[in-house]
Protein backbone atom coordinates (compact mmCIF):
# COMPACT_ATOMS: atom_id res chain seq x y z
CA MET A 1 -51.55 252.39 -63.07
CA GLU A 2 -51.73 253.69 -66.57
CA ILE A 3 -55.09 254.73 -68.00
CA GLU A 4 -55.90 254.07 -71.65
CA LEU A 5 -58.82 255.03 -73.84
CA ALA A 6 -60.69 251.89 -74.88
CA LYS A 7 -63.26 251.89 -77.67
CA CYS A 8 -66.18 249.45 -77.64
CA GLU A 9 -66.01 247.18 -80.67
CA CYS A 10 -69.82 247.05 -80.80
CA CYS A 11 -71.13 250.57 -80.33
CA GLY A 12 -67.98 252.70 -80.46
CA LEU A 13 -68.37 254.19 -76.97
CA LYS A 14 -65.03 255.22 -75.47
CA GLU A 15 -64.02 254.77 -71.83
CA ASP A 16 -60.88 255.42 -69.81
CA CYS A 17 -59.69 252.09 -68.38
CA THR A 18 -56.63 250.45 -66.91
CA GLN A 19 -54.78 247.92 -69.06
CA ASP A 20 -55.68 245.19 -66.55
CA TYR A 21 -59.39 245.94 -66.93
CA ILE A 22 -59.13 246.06 -70.72
CA SER A 23 -57.40 242.67 -70.72
CA GLN A 24 -60.00 241.20 -68.38
CA VAL A 25 -62.89 242.36 -70.57
CA LYS A 26 -61.23 241.06 -73.73
CA GLU A 27 -60.68 237.73 -72.01
CA ASN A 28 -64.40 237.50 -71.22
CA PHE A 29 -65.64 238.55 -74.67
CA ASP A 30 -63.74 236.58 -77.29
CA GLY A 31 -60.82 239.02 -77.47
CA LYS A 32 -63.00 242.07 -78.04
CA TRP A 33 -63.32 245.06 -75.73
CA LEU A 34 -66.96 245.91 -74.97
CA CYS A 35 -68.30 248.82 -72.96
CA GLY A 36 -70.38 248.12 -69.85
CA LEU A 37 -73.70 248.46 -71.67
CA CYS A 38 -72.77 246.14 -74.52
CA SER A 39 -71.17 243.60 -72.20
CA GLU A 40 -74.38 243.43 -70.16
CA ALA A 41 -76.42 242.99 -73.34
CA VAL A 42 -74.15 240.15 -74.47
CA ARG A 43 -74.26 238.43 -71.06
CA ASP A 44 -78.04 238.74 -71.05
CA GLU A 45 -78.20 237.19 -74.50
CA VAL A 46 -76.08 234.22 -73.34
CA ASN A 47 -78.13 233.79 -70.15
CA ARG A 48 -81.44 233.99 -71.97
CA GLY A 49 -80.25 231.61 -74.63
CA LYS A 50 -82.68 232.42 -77.44
CA LYS A 51 -80.86 229.69 -79.30
CA GLN A 52 -79.99 226.60 -77.41
CA PHE A 53 -76.32 226.50 -76.33
CA LEU A 54 -75.58 230.06 -77.46
CA CYS A 55 -71.90 230.64 -76.68
CA MET A 56 -70.17 233.92 -75.84
CA GLU A 57 -68.57 234.18 -79.29
CA GLU A 58 -71.96 233.90 -81.01
CA ALA A 59 -73.54 236.38 -78.62
CA VAL A 60 -70.76 238.94 -79.24
CA LYS A 61 -71.13 238.55 -83.01
CA ALA A 62 -74.92 238.89 -82.77
CA HIS A 63 -74.65 242.04 -80.65
CA MET A 64 -72.05 243.57 -82.97
CA SER A 65 -74.40 242.92 -85.88
CA PHE A 66 -77.27 244.51 -83.94
CA CYS A 67 -75.20 247.63 -83.24
CA ARG A 68 -74.21 247.95 -86.91
CA LYS A 69 -77.87 247.85 -88.00
CA TYR A 70 -78.61 251.18 -86.35
CA LYS A 71 -77.01 254.43 -87.38
CA SER A 72 -77.18 255.90 -83.90
CA ASN A 73 -75.23 254.59 -80.96
CA PRO A 74 -77.32 252.20 -78.78
CA ALA A 75 -75.76 253.71 -75.66
CA THR A 76 -77.10 257.10 -76.77
CA GLU A 77 -80.55 255.60 -77.26
CA VAL A 78 -80.49 254.18 -73.73
CA ALA A 79 -79.30 257.49 -72.31
CA ASP A 80 -82.08 259.33 -74.17
CA GLY A 81 -84.64 256.88 -72.80
CA MET A 82 -83.36 257.35 -69.24
CA ARG A 83 -83.48 261.14 -69.66
CA GLN A 84 -87.09 260.96 -70.85
CA MET A 85 -88.03 258.69 -67.94
CA LEU A 86 -86.42 261.04 -65.42
CA ARG A 87 -88.17 264.06 -66.96
CA ARG A 88 -91.53 262.32 -66.69
CA ARG A 89 -90.81 261.32 -63.12
CA SER A 90 -89.76 264.90 -62.33
CA ASP A 91 -92.95 266.26 -63.92
CA LEU A 92 -95.06 263.89 -61.83
CA SER A 93 -93.31 264.76 -58.57
CA SER A 94 -93.55 268.51 -59.19
CA SER A 95 -97.31 268.25 -59.77
CA TYR A 96 -97.70 266.87 -56.22
CA SER A 97 -97.05 269.46 -53.56
CA PRO A 98 -97.39 268.34 -49.94
CA ASN A 99 -98.36 271.88 -49.00
CA SER A 100 -101.21 272.11 -51.48
CA ASN A 101 -104.70 272.66 -50.05
CA LYS A 102 -105.99 269.38 -51.44
CA TYR A 103 -103.55 267.27 -49.39
CA SER A 104 -102.82 269.34 -46.29
CA ARG A 105 -106.45 269.89 -45.30
CA SER A 106 -107.43 266.24 -45.51
CA ALA A 107 -104.32 265.14 -43.62
CA SER A 108 -104.60 267.73 -40.84
CA SER A 109 -108.37 267.39 -40.42
CA SER A 110 -108.13 263.59 -40.07
CA GLN A 111 -105.34 263.89 -37.53
CA VAL A 112 -107.26 266.42 -35.42
CA GLY A 113 -110.50 264.42 -35.61
CA ASP A 114 -108.79 261.19 -34.53
CA ARG A 115 -107.48 262.63 -31.27
């Protein structure tokens, strides 16, 4: 199996893929190769059907237009959002310590009192 570098025709993201996979994606998206993120966005657009009877070709063109409107790569924006979410989640989990006095006393005193 030979690996090739494929470039998303919407956002420009590059991925290493087999020729079979590249062909399969192009077959699904009007002859254009889309990365995983853009392909999901296009499928979602078709399934939601903002316009009645929105076909795959129209959805691909609409998503390509959307990607061109923004100077930054949409995949980068999603990655930045995920990073921010994980940082917030990490900050929240580090503020809770199971060994802190607030939590360990109440838990141990209720267990002892119940027996």
